N, C-alpha and C. Protein backbone atom coordinates (compact mmCIF):
# COMPACT_ATOMS: atom_id res chain seq x y z
N UNK A 1 0.85 -6.80 -8.54
CA UNK A 1 0.08 -6.68 -7.34
C UNK A 1 0.84 -7.37 -6.22
N UNK A 2 0.71 -6.88 -4.99
CA UNK A 2 1.35 -7.50 -3.83
C UNK A 2 0.28 -7.84 -2.79
N UNK A 3 0.41 -9.02 -2.21
CA UNK A 3 -0.38 -9.41 -1.04
C UNK A 3 0.60 -9.60 0.10
N UNK A 4 0.28 -9.03 1.27
CA UNK A 4 1.18 -9.08 2.43
C UNK A 4 0.41 -9.63 3.62
N UNK A 5 0.98 -10.66 4.31
CA UNK A 5 0.29 -11.24 5.47
C UNK A 5 0.73 -10.53 6.75
N UNK A 6 0.12 -10.86 7.91
CA UNK A 6 0.47 -10.19 9.17
C UNK A 6 1.93 -10.35 9.60
N UNK A 7 2.65 -11.36 9.09
CA UNK A 7 4.06 -11.53 9.43
C UNK A 7 4.96 -10.88 8.39
N UNK A 8 4.36 -10.14 7.47
CA UNK A 8 5.04 -9.41 6.39
C UNK A 8 5.53 -10.30 5.25
N UNK A 9 5.04 -11.55 5.15
CA UNK A 9 5.31 -12.38 3.99
C UNK A 9 4.64 -11.74 2.79
N UNK A 10 5.38 -11.59 1.72
CA UNK A 10 4.86 -10.91 0.52
C UNK A 10 4.76 -11.89 -0.64
N UNK A 11 3.66 -11.80 -1.34
CA UNK A 11 3.48 -12.53 -2.58
C UNK A 11 3.31 -11.48 -3.67
N UNK A 12 4.12 -11.54 -4.72
CA UNK A 12 3.97 -10.66 -5.87
C UNK A 12 3.53 -11.51 -7.04
N UNK A 13 2.61 -11.00 -7.82
CA UNK A 13 2.10 -11.79 -8.94
C UNK A 13 1.48 -10.89 -10.00
N UNK A 14 1.46 -11.38 -11.23
CA UNK A 14 0.81 -10.64 -12.32
C UNK A 14 -0.71 -10.76 -12.23
N UNK A 15 -1.39 -9.79 -12.76
CA UNK A 15 -2.86 -9.81 -12.78
C UNK A 15 -3.33 -8.97 -13.95
N UNK A 16 -4.60 -9.16 -14.30
CA UNK A 16 -5.22 -8.27 -15.27
C UNK A 16 -6.72 -8.20 -14.99
N UNK A 17 -7.32 -7.11 -15.43
CA UNK A 17 -8.75 -6.91 -15.24
C UNK A 17 -9.45 -7.23 -16.55
N UNK A 18 -10.41 -8.16 -16.47
CA UNK A 18 -11.16 -8.55 -17.66
C UNK A 18 -12.15 -7.45 -18.04
N UNK A 19 -12.67 -7.48 -19.25
CA UNK A 19 -13.62 -6.47 -19.71
C UNK A 19 -14.87 -6.44 -18.83
N UNK A 20 -15.18 -7.55 -18.17
CA UNK A 20 -16.33 -7.61 -17.27
C UNK A 20 -16.07 -6.89 -15.95
N UNK A 21 -14.79 -6.50 -15.72
CA UNK A 21 -14.43 -5.86 -14.46
C UNK A 21 -13.89 -6.83 -13.43
N UNK A 22 -13.92 -8.13 -13.73
CA UNK A 22 -13.40 -9.13 -12.80
C UNK A 22 -11.87 -9.14 -12.85
N UNK A 23 -11.27 -9.35 -11.69
CA UNK A 23 -9.82 -9.41 -11.57
C UNK A 23 -9.36 -10.84 -11.78
N UNK A 24 -8.38 -11.04 -12.63
CA UNK A 24 -7.81 -12.37 -12.88
C UNK A 24 -6.42 -12.42 -12.25
N UNK A 25 -6.23 -13.33 -11.28
CA UNK A 25 -4.94 -13.48 -10.59
C UNK A 25 -4.21 -14.67 -11.20
N UNK A 26 -2.94 -14.52 -11.50
CA UNK A 26 -2.18 -15.58 -12.14
C UNK A 26 -1.24 -16.27 -11.16
N UNK A 27 -1.47 -17.55 -10.88
CA UNK A 27 -0.54 -18.37 -10.13
C UNK A 27 -0.49 -18.19 -8.63
N UNK A 28 -1.12 -17.19 -8.07
CA UNK A 28 -0.99 -16.90 -6.65
C UNK A 28 -1.65 -17.94 -5.76
N UNK A 29 -2.77 -18.49 -6.16
CA UNK A 29 -3.50 -19.42 -5.30
C UNK A 29 -2.67 -20.66 -5.01
N UNK A 30 -2.10 -21.27 -6.02
CA UNK A 30 -1.28 -22.47 -5.81
C UNK A 30 -0.06 -22.16 -4.94
N UNK A 31 0.57 -21.03 -5.16
CA UNK A 31 1.74 -20.64 -4.37
C UNK A 31 1.37 -20.47 -2.90
N UNK A 32 0.24 -19.84 -2.62
CA UNK A 32 -0.19 -19.65 -1.23
C UNK A 32 -0.57 -20.97 -0.57
N UNK A 33 -1.25 -21.85 -1.31
CA UNK A 33 -1.63 -23.16 -0.78
C UNK A 33 -0.37 -23.93 -0.38
N UNK A 34 0.64 -23.93 -1.22
CA UNK A 34 1.89 -24.63 -0.91
C UNK A 34 2.65 -23.97 0.24
N UNK A 35 2.75 -22.65 0.24
CA UNK A 35 3.50 -21.95 1.27
C UNK A 35 2.92 -22.18 2.66
N UNK A 36 1.59 -22.07 2.78
CA UNK A 36 0.94 -22.23 4.08
C UNK A 36 0.51 -23.67 4.36
N UNK A 37 0.77 -24.57 3.42
CA UNK A 37 0.40 -25.97 3.55
C UNK A 37 -1.11 -26.11 3.82
N UNK A 38 -1.91 -25.40 3.06
CA UNK A 38 -3.36 -25.42 3.25
C UNK A 38 -3.94 -26.72 2.72
N UNK A 39 -4.79 -27.35 3.52
CA UNK A 39 -5.43 -28.61 3.13
C UNK A 39 -6.95 -28.51 3.14
N UNK A 40 -7.49 -27.47 3.72
CA UNK A 40 -8.94 -27.27 3.82
C UNK A 40 -9.32 -25.95 3.18
N UNK A 41 -10.60 -25.75 2.96
CA UNK A 41 -11.08 -24.49 2.40
C UNK A 41 -10.84 -23.36 3.41
N UNK A 42 -10.51 -22.19 2.90
CA UNK A 42 -10.28 -21.02 3.74
C UNK A 42 -10.89 -19.79 3.08
N UNK A 43 -11.04 -18.74 3.89
CA UNK A 43 -11.45 -17.43 3.40
C UNK A 43 -10.24 -16.52 3.41
N UNK A 44 -10.12 -15.68 2.41
CA UNK A 44 -9.05 -14.70 2.34
C UNK A 44 -9.68 -13.32 2.52
N UNK A 45 -9.28 -12.62 3.59
CA UNK A 45 -9.80 -11.28 3.86
C UNK A 45 -8.75 -10.26 3.43
N UNK A 46 -9.11 -9.37 2.51
CA UNK A 46 -8.18 -8.38 1.97
C UNK A 46 -8.50 -6.99 2.50
N UNK A 47 -7.45 -6.24 2.84
CA UNK A 47 -7.57 -4.83 3.19
C UNK A 47 -6.70 -4.03 2.23
N UNK A 48 -7.31 -3.05 1.56
CA UNK A 48 -6.59 -2.20 0.62
C UNK A 48 -5.62 -1.30 1.37
N UNK A 49 -4.35 -1.24 0.89
CA UNK A 49 -3.34 -0.38 1.50
C UNK A 49 -3.02 0.78 0.57
N UNK A 50 -2.65 0.46 -0.64
CA UNK A 50 -2.34 1.48 -1.65
C UNK A 50 -2.47 0.82 -3.01
N UNK A 51 -2.16 1.55 -4.04
CA UNK A 51 -2.31 1.02 -5.40
C UNK A 51 -1.59 -0.31 -5.55
N UNK A 52 -2.34 -1.36 -5.84
CA UNK A 52 -1.83 -2.71 -6.07
C UNK A 52 -1.21 -3.38 -4.84
N UNK A 53 -1.51 -2.90 -3.62
CA UNK A 53 -0.99 -3.51 -2.40
C UNK A 53 -2.17 -3.77 -1.45
N UNK A 54 -2.25 -5.02 -0.97
CA UNK A 54 -3.30 -5.43 -0.04
C UNK A 54 -2.71 -6.21 1.12
N UNK A 55 -3.17 -5.92 2.34
CA UNK A 55 -2.88 -6.76 3.49
C UNK A 55 -3.94 -7.84 3.52
N UNK A 56 -3.57 -9.06 3.88
CA UNK A 56 -4.56 -10.13 3.90
C UNK A 56 -4.44 -10.97 5.17
N UNK A 57 -5.55 -11.59 5.52
CA UNK A 57 -5.61 -12.56 6.61
C UNK A 57 -6.36 -13.77 6.08
N UNK A 58 -5.95 -14.95 6.52
CA UNK A 58 -6.58 -16.19 6.09
C UNK A 58 -7.35 -16.77 7.26
N UNK A 59 -8.63 -17.11 7.01
CA UNK A 59 -9.48 -17.69 8.04
C UNK A 59 -10.01 -19.04 7.59
N UNK A 60 -10.07 -19.98 8.52
CA UNK A 60 -10.73 -21.27 8.26
C UNK A 60 -12.23 -21.05 8.23
N UNK A 61 -12.97 -21.97 7.67
CA UNK A 61 -14.42 -21.84 7.59
C UNK A 61 -15.06 -21.71 8.96
N UNK A 62 -14.42 -22.27 10.00
CA UNK A 62 -14.94 -22.18 11.37
C UNK A 62 -14.74 -20.80 11.97
N UNK A 63 -14.00 -19.92 11.30
CA UNK A 63 -13.81 -18.55 11.76
C UNK A 63 -12.48 -18.30 12.44
N UNK A 64 -11.67 -19.33 12.67
CA UNK A 64 -10.37 -19.14 13.31
C UNK A 64 -9.34 -18.69 12.27
N UNK A 65 -8.49 -17.75 12.68
CA UNK A 65 -7.46 -17.26 11.77
C UNK A 65 -6.28 -18.24 11.70
N UNK A 66 -5.66 -18.33 10.54
CA UNK A 66 -4.50 -19.19 10.30
C UNK A 66 -3.32 -18.75 11.18
N UNK A 67 -2.57 -19.70 11.71
CA UNK A 67 -1.30 -19.43 12.37
C UNK A 67 -0.27 -19.31 11.25
N UNK A 68 0.12 -18.11 10.87
CA UNK A 68 0.95 -17.87 9.69
C UNK A 68 2.33 -18.49 9.80
N UNK A 69 2.83 -18.65 11.02
CA UNK A 69 4.16 -19.24 11.22
C UNK A 69 4.10 -20.74 11.01
N UNK A 70 3.06 -21.39 11.55
CA UNK A 70 2.99 -22.83 11.47
C UNK A 70 2.17 -23.36 10.32
N UNK A 71 1.42 -22.52 9.65
CA UNK A 71 0.52 -22.98 8.60
C UNK A 71 -0.59 -23.82 9.20
N UNK A 72 -1.10 -24.80 8.45
CA UNK A 72 -2.18 -25.62 8.98
C UNK A 72 -1.67 -26.92 9.53
């Protein structure tokens, strides 16, 4: 699966779908937290592009979008 941010940063990671239908993502959360230097809770908004590809935006709880170049 690929996640792509507005600056075209790409994260590729393995995943699998559990029998319950829930998606299990492996390792991506820690990698994104480190890359963007996230220190507070955020929302991840996903837009489907094609099979296994999603564009995403990160928002703080206050509703402001992350500055992808500077992180937090």
